[in-house]
Amino acid sequence: MTSADRLTVQSATVRAVIAQTTTDSADKAAALARGAVEARLAACAQIVGPVTSVYHWAGGIETTQEWQVLFKTTAARYPELERHLLAAHDYETPEIIATPVAAGSPAYLSWITAEATAR
């Protein structure tokens, strides 16, 4: 993967991101959520599911039931959250993506910053 293929959230104008992943059980989703919040890599995590995922894998099209985990974190903490999820996840190639938060309640964004700060 070249640096052109990889998007890294580093813009000073992006204060918060919503990162997401999926996993194959509610228990695994809860463990990923709790681990990230306990480590202060995210202010909170929401678990949605089950969801149906349809994707290409190993030369075929798969359809599986998964649980989606949405992490609210800062742009500065995202790289560490990504490393944490890669280490904790049991998928060979887990979905770990982040979307910048373009706007939000100032109080909520401040809360994310305060809670997703290493102590």
N, C-alpha and C. Protein backbone atom coordinates (compact mmCIF):
# COMPACT_ATOMS: atom_id res chain seq x y z
N MET A 1 0.84 -1.17 0.00
CA MET A 1 0.00 0.00 0.00
C MET A 1 0.89 1.23 0.00
N THR A 2 0.61 2.13 -0.91
CA THR A 2 1.38 3.37 -0.96
C THR A 2 0.73 4.42 -0.08
N SER A 3 1.47 5.49 0.19
CA SER A 3 0.90 6.56 1.01
C SER A 3 -0.29 7.20 0.31
N ALA A 4 -0.33 7.16 -1.01
CA ALA A 4 -1.48 7.71 -1.74
C ALA A 4 -2.72 6.86 -1.53
N ASP A 5 -2.56 5.58 -1.21
CA ASP A 5 -3.68 4.69 -0.99
C ASP A 5 -4.26 4.82 0.42
N ARG A 6 -3.57 5.45 1.31
CA ARG A 6 -3.95 5.50 2.72
C ARG A 6 -4.35 6.92 3.11
N LEU A 7 -5.54 7.06 3.64
CA LEU A 7 -6.02 8.35 4.14
C LEU A 7 -5.77 8.38 5.63
N THR A 8 -5.07 9.38 6.08
CA THR A 8 -4.83 9.57 7.50
C THR A 8 -5.48 10.86 7.92
N VAL A 9 -6.29 10.81 8.97
CA VAL A 9 -6.97 12.00 9.46
C VAL A 9 -5.98 12.78 10.29
N GLN A 10 -5.52 13.92 9.75
CA GLN A 10 -4.57 14.75 10.47
C GLN A 10 -4.91 16.23 10.38
N SER A 11 -5.96 16.56 9.69
CA SER A 11 -6.31 17.96 9.50
C SER A 11 -6.64 18.62 10.82
N ALA A 12 -6.10 19.81 11.03
CA ALA A 12 -6.38 20.55 12.26
C ALA A 12 -7.84 20.98 12.31
N THR A 13 -8.52 21.03 11.16
CA THR A 13 -9.92 21.44 11.15
C THR A 13 -10.86 20.30 11.53
N VAL A 14 -10.39 19.07 11.50
CA VAL A 14 -11.20 17.93 11.89
C VAL A 14 -10.94 17.64 13.36
N ARG A 15 -11.94 17.90 14.19
CA ARG A 15 -11.79 17.65 15.63
C ARG A 15 -12.18 16.24 16.00
N ALA A 16 -13.23 15.72 15.37
CA ALA A 16 -13.76 14.42 15.76
C ALA A 16 -13.98 13.55 14.53
N VAL A 17 -13.94 12.25 14.76
CA VAL A 17 -14.24 11.29 13.71
C VAL A 17 -15.16 10.22 14.28
N ILE A 18 -15.89 9.59 13.40
CA ILE A 18 -16.65 8.40 13.75
C ILE A 18 -15.95 7.25 13.04
N ALA A 19 -15.36 6.37 13.82
CA ALA A 19 -14.69 5.19 13.27
C ALA A 19 -15.64 4.01 13.40
N GLN A 20 -15.54 3.07 12.50
CA GLN A 20 -16.42 1.92 12.58
C GLN A 20 -15.73 0.64 12.20
N THR A 21 -16.26 -0.44 12.75
CA THR A 21 -15.83 -1.78 12.41
C THR A 21 -17.04 -2.69 12.50
N THR A 22 -16.88 -3.92 12.06
CA THR A 22 -17.92 -4.92 12.20
C THR A 22 -17.29 -6.20 12.74
N THR A 23 -18.11 -7.01 13.37
CA THR A 23 -17.66 -8.31 13.86
C THR A 23 -18.83 -9.28 13.84
N ASP A 24 -18.55 -10.55 14.07
CA ASP A 24 -19.58 -11.57 13.86
C ASP A 24 -20.39 -11.96 15.08
N SER A 25 -20.27 -11.25 16.19
CA SER A 25 -21.13 -11.55 17.33
C SER A 25 -21.32 -10.32 18.21
N ALA A 26 -22.42 -10.30 18.93
CA ALA A 26 -22.70 -9.19 19.84
C ALA A 26 -21.66 -9.15 20.95
N ASP A 27 -21.22 -10.30 21.44
CA ASP A 27 -20.21 -10.34 22.50
C ASP A 27 -18.89 -9.75 22.04
N LYS A 28 -18.47 -10.09 20.81
CA LYS A 28 -17.22 -9.53 20.29
C LYS A 28 -17.34 -8.02 20.08
N ALA A 29 -18.50 -7.57 19.61
CA ALA A 29 -18.73 -6.13 19.43
C ALA A 29 -18.64 -5.42 20.77
N ALA A 30 -19.24 -5.99 21.80
CA ALA A 30 -19.20 -5.39 23.12
C ALA A 30 -17.78 -5.33 23.66
N ALA A 31 -17.00 -6.37 23.41
CA ALA A 31 -15.60 -6.39 23.87
C ALA A 31 -14.78 -5.32 23.16
N LEU A 32 -14.96 -5.17 21.85
CA LEU A 32 -14.24 -4.14 21.11
C LEU A 32 -14.63 -2.75 21.61
N ALA A 33 -15.93 -2.54 21.83
CA ALA A 33 -16.41 -1.25 22.30
C ALA A 33 -15.85 -0.94 23.68
N ARG A 34 -15.98 -1.87 24.60
CA ARG A 34 -15.52 -1.65 25.97
C ARG A 34 -14.01 -1.42 26.02
N GLY A 35 -13.25 -2.21 25.27
CA GLY A 35 -11.80 -2.07 25.27
C GLY A 35 -11.34 -0.70 24.81
N ALA A 36 -11.98 -0.19 23.77
CA ALA A 36 -11.59 1.13 23.25
C ALA A 36 -11.98 2.25 24.21
N VAL A 37 -13.16 2.14 24.80
CA VAL A 37 -13.61 3.18 25.73
C VAL A 37 -12.78 3.13 27.02
N GLU A 38 -12.52 1.93 27.53
CA GLU A 38 -11.69 1.81 28.74
C GLU A 38 -10.29 2.39 28.53
N ALA A 39 -9.75 2.21 27.32
CA ALA A 39 -8.41 2.72 27.01
C ALA A 39 -8.44 4.21 26.64
N ARG A 40 -9.62 4.82 26.68
CA ARG A 40 -9.81 6.24 26.32
C ARG A 40 -9.40 6.54 24.88
N LEU A 41 -9.55 5.53 24.03
CA LEU A 41 -9.31 5.72 22.60
C LEU A 41 -10.57 6.24 21.92
N ALA A 42 -11.68 6.14 22.61
CA ALA A 42 -12.96 6.66 22.13
C ALA A 42 -13.76 7.14 23.34
N ALA A 43 -14.55 8.17 23.12
CA ALA A 43 -15.41 8.67 24.20
C ALA A 43 -16.58 7.73 24.43
N CYS A 44 -17.08 7.15 23.35
CA CYS A 44 -18.16 6.19 23.45
C CYS A 44 -18.16 5.31 22.22
N ALA A 45 -18.90 4.23 22.31
CA ALA A 45 -19.06 3.32 21.18
C ALA A 45 -20.51 2.85 21.17
N GLN A 46 -21.07 2.77 20.01
CA GLN A 46 -22.44 2.28 19.86
C GLN A 46 -22.40 1.01 19.04
N ILE A 47 -23.19 0.04 19.47
CA ILE A 47 -23.27 -1.25 18.78
C ILE A 47 -24.62 -1.32 18.09
N VAL A 48 -24.59 -1.60 16.80
CA VAL A 48 -25.79 -1.70 15.98
C VAL A 48 -25.84 -3.11 15.41
N GLY A 49 -26.96 -3.75 15.51
CA GLY A 49 -27.03 -5.05 14.89
C GLY A 49 -28.15 -5.91 15.42
N PRO A 50 -28.27 -7.01 14.77
CA PRO A 50 -27.40 -7.44 13.67
C PRO A 50 -27.72 -6.70 12.37
N VAL A 51 -26.69 -6.62 11.54
CA VAL A 51 -26.82 -6.09 10.19
C VAL A 51 -26.43 -7.20 9.22
N THR A 52 -26.90 -7.11 8.02
CA THR A 52 -26.53 -8.09 7.00
C THR A 52 -25.45 -7.47 6.12
N SER A 53 -24.33 -8.15 6.01
CA SER A 53 -23.22 -7.67 5.16
C SER A 53 -23.09 -8.58 3.95
N VAL A 54 -22.95 -7.96 2.80
CA VAL A 54 -22.74 -8.68 1.54
C VAL A 54 -21.44 -8.17 0.96
N TYR A 55 -20.48 -9.08 0.69
CA TYR A 55 -19.15 -8.63 0.29
C TYR A 55 -18.41 -9.71 -0.50
N HIS A 56 -17.40 -9.27 -1.25
CA HIS A 56 -16.51 -10.20 -1.95
C HIS A 56 -15.49 -10.74 -0.95
N TRP A 57 -15.25 -12.05 -0.98
CA TRP A 57 -14.21 -12.63 -0.13
C TRP A 57 -13.81 -13.99 -0.70
N ALA A 58 -12.51 -14.20 -0.82
CA ALA A 58 -11.95 -15.48 -1.27
C ALA A 58 -12.57 -15.97 -2.57
N GLY A 59 -12.76 -15.04 -3.51
CA GLY A 59 -13.24 -15.41 -4.83
C GLY A 59 -14.75 -15.58 -4.95
N GLY A 60 -15.48 -15.30 -3.91
CA GLY A 60 -16.93 -15.44 -3.96
C GLY A 60 -17.62 -14.27 -3.31
N ILE A 61 -18.93 -14.33 -3.30
CA ILE A 61 -19.73 -13.32 -2.62
C ILE A 61 -20.30 -13.95 -1.37
N GLU A 62 -20.04 -13.31 -0.24
CA GLU A 62 -20.49 -13.79 1.06
C GLU A 62 -21.64 -12.92 1.56
N THR A 63 -22.54 -13.53 2.30
CA THR A 63 -23.59 -12.82 3.00
C THR A 63 -23.56 -13.31 4.44
N THR A 64 -23.31 -12.39 5.38
CA THR A 64 -23.21 -12.78 6.78
C THR A 64 -23.93 -11.79 7.68
N GLN A 65 -24.23 -12.26 8.88
CA GLN A 65 -24.81 -11.40 9.90
C GLN A 65 -23.67 -10.87 10.76
N GLU A 66 -23.65 -9.54 10.95
CA GLU A 66 -22.58 -8.91 11.73
C GLU A 66 -23.17 -7.85 12.65
N TRP A 67 -22.32 -7.40 13.57
CA TRP A 67 -22.65 -6.28 14.45
C TRP A 67 -21.67 -5.17 14.14
N GLN A 68 -22.21 -3.97 13.97
CA GLN A 68 -21.40 -2.80 13.64
C GLN A 68 -21.11 -2.03 14.92
N VAL A 69 -19.88 -1.58 15.07
CA VAL A 69 -19.51 -0.77 16.23
C VAL A 69 -19.04 0.59 15.72
N LEU A 70 -19.68 1.65 16.23
CA LEU A 70 -19.34 3.02 15.87
C LEU A 70 -18.64 3.66 17.06
N PHE A 71 -17.44 4.17 16.84
CA PHE A 71 -16.63 4.79 17.89
C PHE A 71 -16.58 6.28 17.66
N LYS A 72 -16.87 7.08 18.69
CA LYS A 72 -16.73 8.54 18.63
C LYS A 72 -15.39 8.88 19.26
N THR A 73 -14.50 9.47 18.47
CA THR A 73 -13.16 9.77 18.95
C THR A 73 -12.65 11.06 18.32
N THR A 74 -11.46 11.44 18.69
CA THR A 74 -10.84 12.63 18.10
C THR A 74 -9.98 12.20 16.91
N ALA A 75 -9.73 13.14 16.03
CA ALA A 75 -8.84 12.87 14.90
C ALA A 75 -7.45 12.48 15.40
N ALA A 76 -7.02 13.11 16.48
CA ALA A 76 -5.69 12.82 17.03
C ALA A 76 -5.60 11.41 17.60
N ARG A 77 -6.69 10.88 18.15
CA ARG A 77 -6.67 9.55 18.77
C ARG A 77 -6.96 8.43 17.76
N TYR A 78 -7.46 8.79 16.57
CA TYR A 78 -7.82 7.75 15.60
C TYR A 78 -6.69 6.78 15.29
N PRO A 79 -5.46 7.22 15.01
CA PRO A 79 -4.42 6.24 14.67
C PRO A 79 -4.21 5.20 15.78
N GLU A 80 -4.27 5.62 17.03
CA GLU A 80 -4.10 4.66 18.13
C GLU A 80 -5.32 3.73 18.23
N LEU A 81 -6.51 4.27 18.01
CA LEU A 81 -7.72 3.43 17.99
C LEU A 81 -7.61 2.38 16.90
N GLU A 82 -7.16 2.79 15.72
CA GLU A 82 -7.00 1.84 14.61
C GLU A 82 -6.03 0.73 14.99
N ARG A 83 -4.89 1.08 15.58
CA ARG A 83 -3.92 0.06 16.00
C ARG A 83 -4.53 -0.89 17.03
N HIS A 84 -5.28 -0.33 17.97
CA HIS A 84 -5.94 -1.13 19.00
C HIS A 84 -6.92 -2.12 18.37
N LEU A 85 -7.74 -1.64 17.44
CA LEU A 85 -8.73 -2.51 16.80
C LEU A 85 -8.07 -3.60 15.97
N LEU A 86 -6.99 -3.26 15.26
CA LEU A 86 -6.28 -4.28 14.49
C LEU A 86 -5.72 -5.37 15.40
N ALA A 87 -5.22 -4.99 16.57
CA ALA A 87 -4.67 -5.97 17.50
C ALA A 87 -5.76 -6.81 18.17
N ALA A 88 -6.91 -6.20 18.44
CA ALA A 88 -7.97 -6.88 19.19
C ALA A 88 -8.92 -7.67 18.30
N HIS A 89 -8.97 -7.37 17.03
CA HIS A 89 -9.96 -7.96 16.12
C HIS A 89 -9.53 -9.34 15.69
N ASP A 90 -10.49 -10.24 15.49
CA ASP A 90 -10.15 -11.59 15.04
C ASP A 90 -10.35 -11.80 13.54
N TYR A 91 -10.81 -10.80 12.81
CA TYR A 91 -10.94 -10.92 11.36
C TYR A 91 -9.57 -10.78 10.71
N GLU A 92 -9.37 -11.49 9.61
CA GLU A 92 -8.12 -11.37 8.85
C GLU A 92 -7.95 -9.96 8.29
N THR A 93 -9.03 -9.39 7.75
CA THR A 93 -9.01 -8.04 7.21
C THR A 93 -10.24 -7.30 7.73
N PRO A 94 -10.17 -6.80 8.96
CA PRO A 94 -11.36 -6.14 9.51
C PRO A 94 -11.64 -4.79 8.86
N GLU A 95 -12.91 -4.47 8.79
CA GLU A 95 -13.30 -3.13 8.37
C GLU A 95 -12.94 -2.17 9.50
N ILE A 96 -12.08 -1.23 9.21
CA ILE A 96 -11.78 -0.14 10.14
C ILE A 96 -11.67 1.11 9.29
N ILE A 97 -12.70 1.94 9.37
CA ILE A 97 -12.72 3.16 8.59
C ILE A 97 -13.17 4.31 9.48
N ALA A 98 -12.83 5.52 9.09
CA ALA A 98 -13.22 6.70 9.86
C ALA A 98 -13.79 7.75 8.93
N THR A 99 -14.82 8.41 9.43
CA THR A 99 -15.46 9.50 8.71
C THR A 99 -15.31 10.76 9.55
N PRO A 100 -14.77 11.83 8.98
CA PRO A 100 -14.66 13.07 9.75
C PRO A 100 -16.04 13.63 10.12
N VAL A 101 -16.14 14.20 11.28
CA VAL A 101 -17.36 14.88 11.70
C VAL A 101 -17.24 16.32 11.22
N ALA A 102 -18.09 16.69 10.28
CA ALA A 102 -18.01 18.03 9.69
C ALA A 102 -18.57 19.10 10.61
N ALA A 103 -19.55 18.74 11.42
CA ALA A 103 -20.17 19.69 12.34
C ALA A 103 -20.83 18.91 13.45
N GLY A 104 -21.04 19.59 14.57
CA GLY A 104 -21.71 18.95 15.70
C GLY A 104 -21.89 19.93 16.83
N SER A 105 -22.66 19.53 17.79
CA SER A 105 -22.87 20.35 18.98
C SER A 105 -21.53 20.64 19.63
N PRO A 106 -21.20 21.89 19.85
CA PRO A 106 -19.92 22.21 20.50
C PRO A 106 -19.73 21.49 21.83
N ALA A 107 -20.79 21.38 22.61
CA ALA A 107 -20.67 20.71 23.91
C ALA A 107 -20.35 19.23 23.71
N TYR A 108 -21.00 18.58 22.74
CA TYR A 108 -20.74 17.16 22.49
C TYR A 108 -19.32 16.95 21.96
N LEU A 109 -18.89 17.79 21.05
CA LEU A 109 -17.53 17.67 20.52
C LEU A 109 -16.49 17.90 21.61
N SER A 110 -16.76 18.81 22.52
CA SER A 110 -15.85 19.03 23.66
C SER A 110 -15.83 17.81 24.57
N TRP A 111 -16.98 17.19 24.76
CA TRP A 111 -17.05 15.97 25.57
C TRP A 111 -16.22 14.85 24.95
N ILE A 112 -16.33 14.67 23.62
CA ILE A 112 -15.51 13.66 22.94
C ILE A 112 -14.03 13.93 23.20
N THR A 113 -13.62 15.17 23.04
CA THR A 113 -12.22 15.54 23.26
C THR A 113 -11.79 15.24 24.69
N ALA A 114 -12.62 15.59 25.65
CA ALA A 114 -12.26 15.37 27.06
C ALA A 114 -12.18 13.88 27.39
N GLU A 115 -13.09 13.08 26.86
CA GLU A 115 -13.12 11.66 27.22
C GLU A 115 -12.13 10.81 26.44
N ALA A 116 -11.80 11.22 25.22
CA ALA A 116 -10.86 10.45 24.40
C ALA A 116 -9.45 11.04 24.52
N THR A 117 -9.08 11.33 25.73
CA THR A 117 -7.76 11.88 26.00
C THR A 117 -7.03 10.94 26.96
N ALA A 118 -5.82 10.61 26.62
CA ALA A 118 -5.04 9.71 27.49
C ALA A 118 -4.86 10.35 28.85
N ARG A 119 -4.96 9.54 29.88
CA ARG A 119 -4.81 10.07 31.25
C ARG A 119 -3.66 9.39 31.94
